[in-house]
Amino acid sequence: MRSEQDITAAINRYGDTVIRICMVYLKNTADTEDIFREVFLKYAQSDKAFDGEEHKKAWIIKVAINACKDMKKSFFRSKPLSWMIRFSPGNMSVMKR
């Protein structure tokens, strides 16, 4: 497990990059915040030794991209639920008939 100082330094240095990547992929602030937390939690729990700052940056970016891709292909994001479509505000007039 990494030190709190190391985690804080990584967030300060690469946090904006992770947020930009997530917003491009997900276009959703709430999901971006979830992935941000997930990326830096994985970083905190990782025992991986990095060869340098560029290696660390590449690892964090790759984790962020993979987490975004995983979220995009999750069941709840890929297919709208039929009940959500049926009871959406635009379809409420159909239900009143």
N, C-alpha and C. Protein backbone atom coordinates (compact mmCIF):
# COMPACT_ATOMS: atom_id res chain seq x y z
N MET A 1 0.85 -1.17 0.00
CA MET A 1 0.00 0.00 0.00
C MET A 1 0.90 1.24 0.00
N ARG A 2 0.48 2.22 -0.76
CA ARG A 2 1.28 3.44 -0.90
C ARG A 2 1.02 4.42 0.24
N SER A 3 1.94 5.32 0.43
CA SER A 3 1.79 6.33 1.49
C SER A 3 0.76 7.37 1.06
N GLU A 4 0.20 8.01 2.06
CA GLU A 4 -0.80 9.05 1.80
C GLU A 4 -0.18 10.20 0.99
N GLN A 5 1.06 10.49 1.27
CA GLN A 5 1.76 11.56 0.56
C GLN A 5 1.94 11.20 -0.92
N ASP A 6 2.26 9.95 -1.21
CA ASP A 6 2.43 9.49 -2.59
C ASP A 6 1.10 9.53 -3.35
N ILE A 7 0.04 9.13 -2.69
CA ILE A 7 -1.29 9.14 -3.32
C ILE A 7 -1.72 10.57 -3.61
N THR A 8 -1.54 11.46 -2.64
CA THR A 8 -1.91 12.86 -2.83
C THR A 8 -1.11 13.49 -3.97
N ALA A 9 0.17 13.18 -4.04
CA ALA A 9 1.02 13.70 -5.12
C ALA A 9 0.53 13.20 -6.48
N ALA A 10 0.14 11.93 -6.57
CA ALA A 10 -0.35 11.37 -7.83
C ALA A 10 -1.68 12.03 -8.23
N ILE A 11 -2.55 12.24 -7.27
CA ILE A 11 -3.84 12.89 -7.56
C ILE A 11 -3.60 14.32 -8.04
N ASN A 12 -2.72 15.04 -7.37
CA ASN A 12 -2.43 16.42 -7.78
C ASN A 12 -1.81 16.48 -9.17
N ARG A 13 -0.97 15.51 -9.47
CA ARG A 13 -0.25 15.53 -10.74
C ARG A 13 -1.08 15.00 -11.91
N TYR A 14 -1.85 13.93 -11.68
CA TYR A 14 -2.54 13.26 -12.79
C TYR A 14 -4.07 13.30 -12.69
N GLY A 15 -4.61 13.90 -11.66
CA GLY A 15 -6.05 13.94 -11.46
C GLY A 15 -6.79 14.60 -12.61
N ASP A 16 -6.29 15.75 -13.07
CA ASP A 16 -6.96 16.45 -14.19
C ASP A 16 -6.95 15.61 -15.45
N THR A 17 -5.86 14.92 -15.69
CA THR A 17 -5.76 14.05 -16.87
C THR A 17 -6.81 12.93 -16.80
N VAL A 18 -6.94 12.32 -15.65
CA VAL A 18 -7.92 11.24 -15.48
C VAL A 18 -9.34 11.79 -15.69
N ILE A 19 -9.62 12.96 -15.15
CA ILE A 19 -10.96 13.55 -15.32
C ILE A 19 -11.24 13.83 -16.79
N ARG A 20 -10.27 14.40 -17.51
CA ARG A 20 -10.48 14.69 -18.94
C ARG A 20 -10.71 13.41 -19.74
N ILE A 21 -9.93 12.39 -19.47
CA ILE A 21 -10.10 11.11 -20.18
C ILE A 21 -11.50 10.56 -19.93
N CYS A 22 -11.93 10.56 -18.68
CA CYS A 22 -13.24 10.01 -18.33
C CYS A 22 -14.38 10.81 -18.95
N MET A 23 -14.26 12.13 -18.98
CA MET A 23 -15.32 12.95 -19.58
C MET A 23 -15.41 12.71 -21.09
N VAL A 24 -14.29 12.50 -21.74
CA VAL A 24 -14.31 12.20 -23.18
C VAL A 24 -15.01 10.87 -23.43
N TYR A 25 -14.69 9.86 -22.63
CA TYR A 25 -15.28 8.53 -22.82
C TYR A 25 -16.73 8.47 -22.36
N LEU A 26 -17.03 9.02 -21.20
CA LEU A 26 -18.32 8.78 -20.55
C LEU A 26 -19.32 9.92 -20.69
N LYS A 27 -18.83 11.14 -20.86
CA LYS A 27 -19.70 12.32 -21.01
C LYS A 27 -20.71 12.43 -19.87
N ASN A 28 -20.25 12.09 -18.66
CA ASN A 28 -21.13 12.06 -17.50
C ASN A 28 -20.29 12.34 -16.26
N THR A 29 -20.68 13.38 -15.53
CA THR A 29 -19.89 13.79 -14.37
C THR A 29 -19.91 12.75 -13.25
N ALA A 30 -21.06 12.17 -12.98
CA ALA A 30 -21.16 11.19 -11.89
C ALA A 30 -20.30 9.96 -12.18
N ASP A 31 -20.36 9.45 -13.40
CA ASP A 31 -19.54 8.30 -13.77
C ASP A 31 -18.06 8.65 -13.75
N THR A 32 -17.73 9.87 -14.16
CA THR A 32 -16.35 10.33 -14.12
C THR A 32 -15.81 10.33 -12.70
N GLU A 33 -16.62 10.80 -11.76
CA GLU A 33 -16.20 10.81 -10.36
C GLU A 33 -15.99 9.39 -9.84
N ASP A 34 -16.85 8.47 -10.24
CA ASP A 34 -16.70 7.07 -9.82
C ASP A 34 -15.39 6.48 -10.34
N ILE A 35 -15.11 6.71 -11.61
CA ILE A 35 -13.89 6.17 -12.21
C ILE A 35 -12.65 6.83 -11.60
N PHE A 36 -12.72 8.13 -11.33
CA PHE A 36 -11.61 8.84 -10.68
C PHE A 36 -11.25 8.16 -9.37
N ARG A 37 -12.26 7.91 -8.55
CA ARG A 37 -12.02 7.24 -7.26
C ARG A 37 -11.46 5.84 -7.47
N GLU A 38 -12.01 5.12 -8.44
CA GLU A 38 -11.56 3.75 -8.70
C GLU A 38 -10.09 3.72 -9.13
N VAL A 39 -9.70 4.64 -10.01
CA VAL A 39 -8.32 4.68 -10.50
C VAL A 39 -7.34 4.93 -9.37
N PHE A 40 -7.63 5.92 -8.54
CA PHE A 40 -6.66 6.24 -7.49
C PHE A 40 -6.73 5.27 -6.31
N LEU A 41 -7.85 4.58 -6.16
CA LEU A 41 -7.90 3.50 -5.18
C LEU A 41 -7.02 2.34 -5.64
N LYS A 42 -7.10 2.01 -6.94
CA LYS A 42 -6.23 0.96 -7.47
C LYS A 42 -4.76 1.36 -7.34
N TYR A 43 -4.49 2.63 -7.58
CA TYR A 43 -3.11 3.10 -7.43
C TYR A 43 -2.65 2.96 -5.98
N ALA A 44 -3.51 3.33 -5.05
CA ALA A 44 -3.16 3.25 -3.63
C ALA A 44 -2.91 1.82 -3.18
N GLN A 45 -3.68 0.89 -3.72
CA GLN A 45 -3.58 -0.51 -3.31
C GLN A 45 -2.50 -1.28 -4.08
N SER A 46 -2.01 -0.70 -5.16
CA SER A 46 -1.03 -1.37 -6.00
C SER A 46 0.34 -1.40 -5.34
N ASP A 47 1.02 -2.51 -5.48
CA ASP A 47 2.39 -2.65 -5.00
C ASP A 47 3.39 -2.49 -6.15
N LYS A 48 2.88 -2.13 -7.32
CA LYS A 48 3.70 -2.03 -8.50
C LYS A 48 4.78 -0.96 -8.34
N ALA A 49 5.99 -1.32 -8.68
CA ALA A 49 7.10 -0.36 -8.66
C ALA A 49 7.23 0.23 -10.07
N PHE A 50 7.27 1.53 -10.16
CA PHE A 50 7.36 2.20 -11.46
C PHE A 50 8.80 2.60 -11.75
N ASP A 51 9.17 2.53 -13.02
CA ASP A 51 10.53 2.88 -13.43
C ASP A 51 10.76 4.39 -13.39
N GLY A 52 9.70 5.16 -13.46
CA GLY A 52 9.82 6.62 -13.44
C GLY A 52 8.44 7.25 -13.52
N GLU A 53 8.41 8.57 -13.56
CA GLU A 53 7.13 9.29 -13.61
C GLU A 53 6.34 8.99 -14.88
N GLU A 54 7.03 8.85 -16.00
CA GLU A 54 6.33 8.55 -17.26
C GLU A 54 5.67 7.17 -17.19
N HIS A 55 6.32 6.23 -16.58
CA HIS A 55 5.76 4.88 -16.42
C HIS A 55 4.52 4.93 -15.52
N LYS A 56 4.62 5.70 -14.43
CA LYS A 56 3.50 5.86 -13.51
C LYS A 56 2.31 6.53 -14.23
N LYS A 57 2.61 7.58 -14.98
CA LYS A 57 1.56 8.30 -15.72
C LYS A 57 0.88 7.37 -16.72
N ALA A 58 1.67 6.60 -17.46
CA ALA A 58 1.11 5.67 -18.45
C ALA A 58 0.22 4.63 -17.77
N TRP A 59 0.63 4.13 -16.62
CA TRP A 59 -0.16 3.14 -15.88
C TRP A 59 -1.48 3.73 -15.43
N ILE A 60 -1.46 4.93 -14.88
CA ILE A 60 -2.68 5.58 -14.41
C ILE A 60 -3.64 5.85 -15.58
N ILE A 61 -3.10 6.32 -16.69
CA ILE A 61 -3.93 6.58 -17.87
C ILE A 61 -4.55 5.29 -18.38
N LYS A 62 -3.77 4.23 -18.44
CA LYS A 62 -4.29 2.94 -18.94
C LYS A 62 -5.38 2.40 -18.02
N VAL A 63 -5.19 2.52 -16.72
CA VAL A 63 -6.22 2.08 -15.77
C VAL A 63 -7.50 2.89 -15.97
N ALA A 64 -7.36 4.19 -16.17
CA ALA A 64 -8.53 5.06 -16.38
C ALA A 64 -9.27 4.68 -17.66
N ILE A 65 -8.55 4.49 -18.74
CA ILE A 65 -9.17 4.12 -20.02
C ILE A 65 -9.88 2.78 -19.90
N ASN A 66 -9.22 1.80 -19.31
CA ASN A 66 -9.85 0.48 -19.16
C ASN A 66 -11.09 0.53 -18.28
N ALA A 67 -11.05 1.32 -17.21
CA ALA A 67 -12.22 1.46 -16.33
C ALA A 67 -13.38 2.12 -17.09
N CYS A 68 -13.08 3.11 -17.91
CA CYS A 68 -14.12 3.76 -18.72
C CYS A 68 -14.73 2.79 -19.72
N LYS A 69 -13.88 2.02 -20.38
CA LYS A 69 -14.38 1.03 -21.34
C LYS A 69 -15.24 -0.02 -20.65
N ASP A 70 -14.82 -0.46 -19.48
CA ASP A 70 -15.61 -1.44 -18.73
C ASP A 70 -16.96 -0.86 -18.34
N MET A 71 -16.99 0.39 -17.94
CA MET A 71 -18.25 1.01 -17.55
C MET A 71 -19.17 1.16 -18.76
N LYS A 72 -18.60 1.54 -19.91
CA LYS A 72 -19.42 1.72 -21.11
C LYS A 72 -20.05 0.41 -21.58
N LYS A 73 -19.38 -0.70 -21.38
CA LYS A 73 -19.94 -1.96 -21.85
C LYS A 73 -20.73 -2.70 -20.77
N SER A 74 -20.92 -2.07 -19.62
CA SER A 74 -21.71 -2.71 -18.58
C SER A 74 -23.17 -2.82 -19.01
N PHE A 75 -23.87 -3.75 -18.47
CA PHE A 75 -25.26 -4.03 -18.85
C PHE A 75 -26.15 -2.82 -18.70
N PHE A 76 -26.04 -2.11 -17.59
CA PHE A 76 -26.96 -1.01 -17.32
C PHE A 76 -26.73 0.19 -18.20
N ARG A 77 -25.55 0.35 -18.77
CA ARG A 77 -25.30 1.47 -19.67
C ARG A 77 -25.58 1.10 -21.11
N SER A 78 -25.52 -0.16 -21.45
CA SER A 78 -25.62 -0.55 -22.86
C SER A 78 -27.05 -0.72 -23.35
N LYS A 79 -27.96 -1.10 -22.49
CA LYS A 79 -29.32 -1.37 -22.93
C LYS A 79 -30.31 -0.63 -22.03
N PRO A 80 -31.18 0.19 -22.64
CA PRO A 80 -32.19 0.83 -21.81
C PRO A 80 -33.19 -0.21 -21.30
N LEU A 81 -33.58 -0.08 -20.09
CA LEU A 81 -34.55 -1.01 -19.53
C LEU A 81 -35.93 -0.68 -20.07
N SER A 82 -36.68 -1.69 -20.42
CA SER A 82 -37.98 -1.47 -21.05
C SER A 82 -38.92 -0.69 -20.14
N TRP A 83 -38.84 -0.89 -18.84
CA TRP A 83 -39.73 -0.16 -17.94
C TRP A 83 -39.37 1.32 -17.89
N MET A 84 -38.10 1.64 -18.12
CA MET A 84 -37.71 3.05 -18.13
C MET A 84 -38.30 3.74 -19.36
N ILE A 85 -38.33 3.05 -20.47
CA ILE A 85 -38.90 3.63 -21.68
C ILE A 85 -40.41 3.76 -21.54
N ARG A 86 -41.03 2.73 -21.01
CA ARG A 86 -42.48 2.72 -20.87
C ARG A 86 -42.99 3.84 -19.96
N PHE A 87 -42.25 4.12 -18.90
CA PHE A 87 -42.70 5.10 -17.93
C PHE A 87 -41.94 6.42 -18.01
N SER A 88 -41.31 6.68 -19.14
CA SER A 88 -40.61 7.96 -19.28
C SER A 88 -41.64 9.08 -19.41
N PRO A 89 -41.28 10.31 -19.03
CA PRO A 89 -42.24 11.42 -19.08
C PRO A 89 -42.87 11.62 -20.46
N GLY A 90 -42.14 11.36 -21.51
CA GLY A 90 -42.70 11.51 -22.87
C GLY A 90 -43.77 10.50 -23.18
N ASN A 91 -43.79 9.37 -22.52
CA ASN A 91 -44.75 8.31 -22.80
C ASN A 91 -45.92 8.29 -21.80
N MET A 92 -45.96 9.19 -20.87
CA MET A 92 -47.00 9.19 -19.85
C MET A 92 -48.38 9.45 -20.45
N SER A 93 -48.44 10.23 -21.53
CA SER A 93 -49.75 10.50 -22.16
C SER A 93 -50.33 9.22 -22.75
N VAL A 94 -49.49 8.33 -23.21
CA VAL A 94 -49.95 7.05 -23.75
C VAL A 94 -50.59 6.21 -22.64
N MET A 95 -50.07 6.31 -21.45
CA MET A 95 -50.56 5.51 -20.34
C MET A 95 -51.91 6.00 -19.83
N LYS A 96 -52.26 7.26 -20.06
CA LYS A 96 -53.51 7.81 -19.54
C LYS A 96 -54.71 7.38 -20.36
N ARG A 97 -54.51 6.91 -21.56
CA ARG A 97 -55.64 6.53 -22.43
C ARG A 97 -56.39 5.35 -21.95
